[in-house]
């Protein structure tokens, strides 16, 4: 004779009350490990170097003020935009020394 498996009330409460929150917590805690930190910056585009695919931006944001060099995917598309205000994200949550950070978002041109 085969026994039929029935979920009893206690087992159902255990599954919903314990396992679901534990699994949800594990998923939420692992999310920051997957997502990298990025810093959003605004500044004035000062120069574009298509040979090295770098740009110099005079950053206005308090988290990374002053002229900084950043690497970009294709600097040629930014030629002629020097002097304009731009916003972008970099591949770091901080901005230190003479490190050349990679711009991870498209450079958005702001008015001005």
C-alpha atoms as a PDB file:
ATOM      1  CA  UNK A   1       0.000   0.000   0.000  1.00  0.00           C
ATOM      2  CA  UNK A   2       1.229   3.450  -0.902  1.00  0.00           C
ATOM      3  CA  UNK A   3       1.023   6.152   1.704  1.00  0.00           C
ATOM      4  CA  UNK A   4      -0.084   9.549   0.539  1.00  0.00           C
ATOM      5  CA  UNK A   5       2.022  12.427   1.719  1.00  0.00           C
ATOM      6  CA  UNK A   6      -0.052  15.223   3.219  1.00  0.00           C
ATOM      7  CA  UNK A   7       1.320  18.521   4.382  1.00  0.00           C
ATOM      8  CA  UNK A   8       0.083  19.045   7.887  1.00  0.00           C
ATOM      9  CA  UNK A   9      -0.685  22.436   9.353  1.00  0.00           C
ATOM     10  CA  UNK A  10       2.504  22.463  11.445  1.00  0.00           C
ATOM     11  CA  UNK A  11       4.702  21.671   8.471  1.00  0.00           C
ATOM     12  CA  UNK A  12       3.008  24.340   6.370  1.00  0.00           C
ATOM     13  CA  UNK A  13       3.495  26.926   9.121  1.00  0.00           C
ATOM     14  CA  UNK A  14       7.148  25.877   9.399  1.00  0.00           C
ATOM     15  CA  UNK A  15       7.689  26.243   5.664  1.00  0.00           C
ATOM     16  CA  UNK A  16       6.007  29.631   5.427  1.00  0.00           C
ATOM     17  CA  UNK A  17       7.156  31.030   8.768  1.00  0.00           C
ATOM     18  CA  UNK A  18      10.772  29.899   8.812  1.00  0.00           C
ATOM     19  CA  UNK A  19      12.166  28.706   5.513  1.00  0.00           C
ATOM     20  CA  UNK A  20      10.744  31.457   3.304  1.00  0.00           C
ATOM     21  CA  UNK A  21      12.188  34.328   5.421  1.00  0.00           C
ATOM     22  CA  UNK A  22      15.541  32.546   5.770  1.00  0.00           C
ATOM     23  CA  UNK A  23      15.856  31.952   2.025  1.00  0.00           C
ATOM     24  CA  UNK A  24      14.732  35.528   1.282  1.00  0.00           C
ATOM     25  CA  UNK A  25      17.326  36.918   3.688  1.00  0.00           C
ATOM     26  CA  UNK A  26      20.096  34.883   2.094  1.00  0.00           C
ATOM     27  CA  UNK A  27      19.158  36.163  -1.354  1.00  0.00           C
ATOM     28  CA  UNK A  28      19.014  39.792  -0.194  1.00  0.00           C
ATOM     29  CA  UNK A  29      22.325  39.547   1.668  1.00  0.00           C
ATOM     30  CA  UNK A  30      24.104  38.185  -1.399  1.00  0.00           C
ATOM     31  CA  UNK A  31      22.854  41.007  -3.672  1.00  0.00           C
ATOM     32  CA  UNK A  32      25.477  43.590  -2.596  1.00  0.00           C
ATOM     33  CA  UNK A  33      28.201  41.045  -3.305  1.00  0.00           C
ATOM     34  CA  UNK A  34      27.032  40.740  -6.885  1.00  0.00           C
ATOM     35  CA  UNK A  35      26.470  44.433  -7.523  1.00  0.00           C
ATOM     36  CA  UNK A  36      29.603  46.573  -7.660  1.00  0.00           C
ATOM     37  CA  UNK A  37      29.828  49.974  -6.063  1.00  0.00           C
ATOM     38  CA  UNK A  38      29.704  52.956  -8.359  1.00  0.00           C
ATOM     39  CA  UNK A  39      30.126  56.665  -7.769  1.00  0.00           C
ATOM     40  CA  UNK A  40      27.994  59.176  -9.682  1.00  0.00           C
ATOM     41  CA  UNK A  41      29.914  62.333 -10.614  1.00  0.00           C
ATOM     42  CA  UNK A  42      29.268  65.660 -12.350  1.00  0.00           C
ATOM     43  CA  UNK A  43      31.869  67.968 -13.845  1.00  0.00           C
ATOM     44  CA  UNK A  44      33.178  69.935 -16.806  1.00  0.00           C
ATOM     45  CA  UNK A  45      34.717  67.955 -19.687  1.00  0.00           C
ATOM     46  CA  UNK A  46      38.167  69.541 -20.189  1.00  0.00           C
ATOM     47  CA  UNK A  47      39.915  67.306 -22.726  1.00  0.00           C
ATOM     48  CA  UNK A  48      39.446  64.163 -24.798  1.00  0.00           C
ATOM     49  CA  UNK A  49      42.279  61.821 -25.856  1.00  0.00           C
ATOM     50  CA  UNK A  50      40.980  59.373 -28.493  1.00  0.00           C
ATOM     51  CA  UNK A  51      44.336  57.553 -28.748  1.00  0.00           C
ATOM     52  CA  UNK A  52      44.316  56.420 -25.116  1.00  0.00           C
ATOM     53  CA  UNK A  53      40.488  56.513 -24.752  1.00  0.00           C
ATOM     54  CA  UNK A  54      40.731  58.826 -21.760  1.00  0.00           C
ATOM     55  CA  UNK A  55      39.080  62.098 -20.814  1.00  0.00           C
ATOM     56  CA  UNK A  56      39.912  64.767 -18.265  1.00  0.00           C
ATOM     57  CA  UNK A  57      36.960  66.047 -16.266  1.00  0.00           C
ATOM     58  CA  UNK A  58      37.093  68.879 -13.745  1.00  0.00           C
ATOM     59  CA  UNK A  59      34.849  67.110 -11.235  1.00  0.00           C
ATOM     60  CA  UNK A  60      32.451  69.342  -9.298  1.00  0.00           C
ATOM     61  CA  UNK A  61      31.074  66.602  -7.012  1.00  0.00           C
ATOM     62  CA  UNK A  62      32.281  66.819  -3.393  1.00  0.00           C
ATOM     63  CA  UNK A  63      33.192  63.105  -3.332  1.00  0.00           C
ATOM     64  CA  UNK A  64      35.920  63.550  -5.988  1.00  0.00           C
ATOM     65  CA  UNK A  65      36.650  67.256  -6.604  1.00  0.00           C
ATOM     66  CA  UNK A  66      39.158  68.620  -9.089  1.00  0.00           C
ATOM     67  CA  UNK A  67      40.589  67.624 -12.458  1.00  0.00           C
ATOM     68  CA  UNK A  68      40.633  63.830 -12.907  1.00  0.00           C
ATOM     69  CA  UNK A  69      41.502  61.492 -15.788  1.00  0.00           C
ATOM     70  CA  UNK A  70      39.018  58.703 -16.605  1.00  0.00           C
ATOM     71  CA  UNK A  71      39.055  55.892 -19.149  1.00  0.00           C
ATOM     72  CA  UNK A  72      36.141  55.541 -21.556  1.00  0.00           C
ATOM     73  CA  UNK A  73      35.104  52.979 -24.153  1.00  0.00           C
ATOM     74  CA  UNK A  74      35.271  55.290 -27.181  1.00  0.00           C
ATOM     75  CA  UNK A  75      36.622  58.790 -26.592  1.00  0.00           C
ATOM     76  CA  UNK A  76      36.023  59.841 -30.215  1.00  0.00           C
ATOM     77  CA  UNK A  77      32.295  60.298 -29.581  1.00  0.00           C
ATOM     78  CA  UNK A  78      33.121  62.943 -26.965  1.00  0.00           C
ATOM     79  CA  UNK A  79      35.324  65.079 -29.205  1.00  0.00           C
ATOM     80  CA  UNK A  80      33.907  68.564 -29.628  1.00  0.00           C
ATOM     81  CA  UNK A  81      32.072  68.473 -26.300  1.00  0.00           C
ATOM     82  CA  UNK A  82      34.926  70.010 -24.315  1.00  0.00           C
ATOM     83  CA  UNK A  83      33.763  72.731 -21.944  1.00  0.00           C
ATOM     84  CA  UNK A  84      30.348  71.140 -21.419  1.00  0.00           C
ATOM     85  CA  UNK A  85      28.921  69.918 -18.133  1.00  0.00           C
ATOM     86  CA  UNK A  86      28.662  66.114 -17.935  1.00  0.00           C
ATOM     87  CA  UNK A  87      27.440  63.447 -15.502  1.00  0.00           C
ATOM     88  CA  UNK A  88      28.595  59.815 -15.312  1.00  0.00           C
ATOM     89  CA  UNK A  89      29.344  56.866 -13.007  1.00  0.00           C
ATOM     90  CA  UNK A  90      32.732  55.304 -12.304  1.00  0.00           C
ATOM     91  CA  UNK A  91      33.673  51.755 -11.266  1.00  0.00           C
ATOM     92  CA  UNK A  92      34.451  52.681  -7.651  1.00  0.00           C
ATOM     93  CA  UNK A  93      32.710  53.972  -4.548  1.00  0.00           C
ATOM     94  CA  UNK A  94      35.573  56.393  -3.867  1.00  0.00           C
ATOM     95  CA  UNK A  95      38.014  58.541  -5.792  1.00  0.00           C
ATOM     96  CA  UNK A  96      41.656  58.331  -4.702  1.00  0.00           C
ATOM     97  CA  UNK A  97      44.868  59.947  -5.916  1.00  0.00           C
ATOM     98  CA  UNK A  98      45.963  59.597  -9.514  1.00  0.00           C
ATOM     99  CA  UNK A  99      44.031  56.397 -10.200  1.00  0.00           C
ATOM    100  CA  UNK A 100      42.396  56.355 -13.638  1.00  0.00           C
ATOM    101  CA  UNK A 101      38.884  55.049 -13.024  1.00  0.00           C
ATOM    102  CA  UNK A 102      36.728  53.559 -15.769  1.00  0.00           C
ATOM    103  CA  UNK A 103      33.487  55.339 -16.640  1.00  0.00           C
ATOM    104  CA  UNK A 104      30.755  52.697 -16.439  1.00  0.00           C
ATOM    105  CA  UNK A 105      27.742  54.672 -17.629  1.00  0.00           C
ATOM    106  CA  UNK A 106      27.242  56.732 -20.750  1.00  0.00           C
ATOM    107  CA  UNK A 107      28.370  60.312 -20.255  1.00  0.00           C
ATOM    108  CA  UNK A 108      25.252  62.439 -20.086  1.00  0.00           C
ATOM    109  CA  UNK A 109      25.589  66.013 -21.250  1.00  0.00           C
ATOM    110  CA  UNK A 110      23.957  68.544 -18.951  1.00  0.00           C
ATOM    111  CA  UNK A 111      23.023  72.077 -19.942  1.00  0.00           C
ATOM    112  CA  UNK A 112      25.868  74.588 -20.068  1.00  0.00           C
END
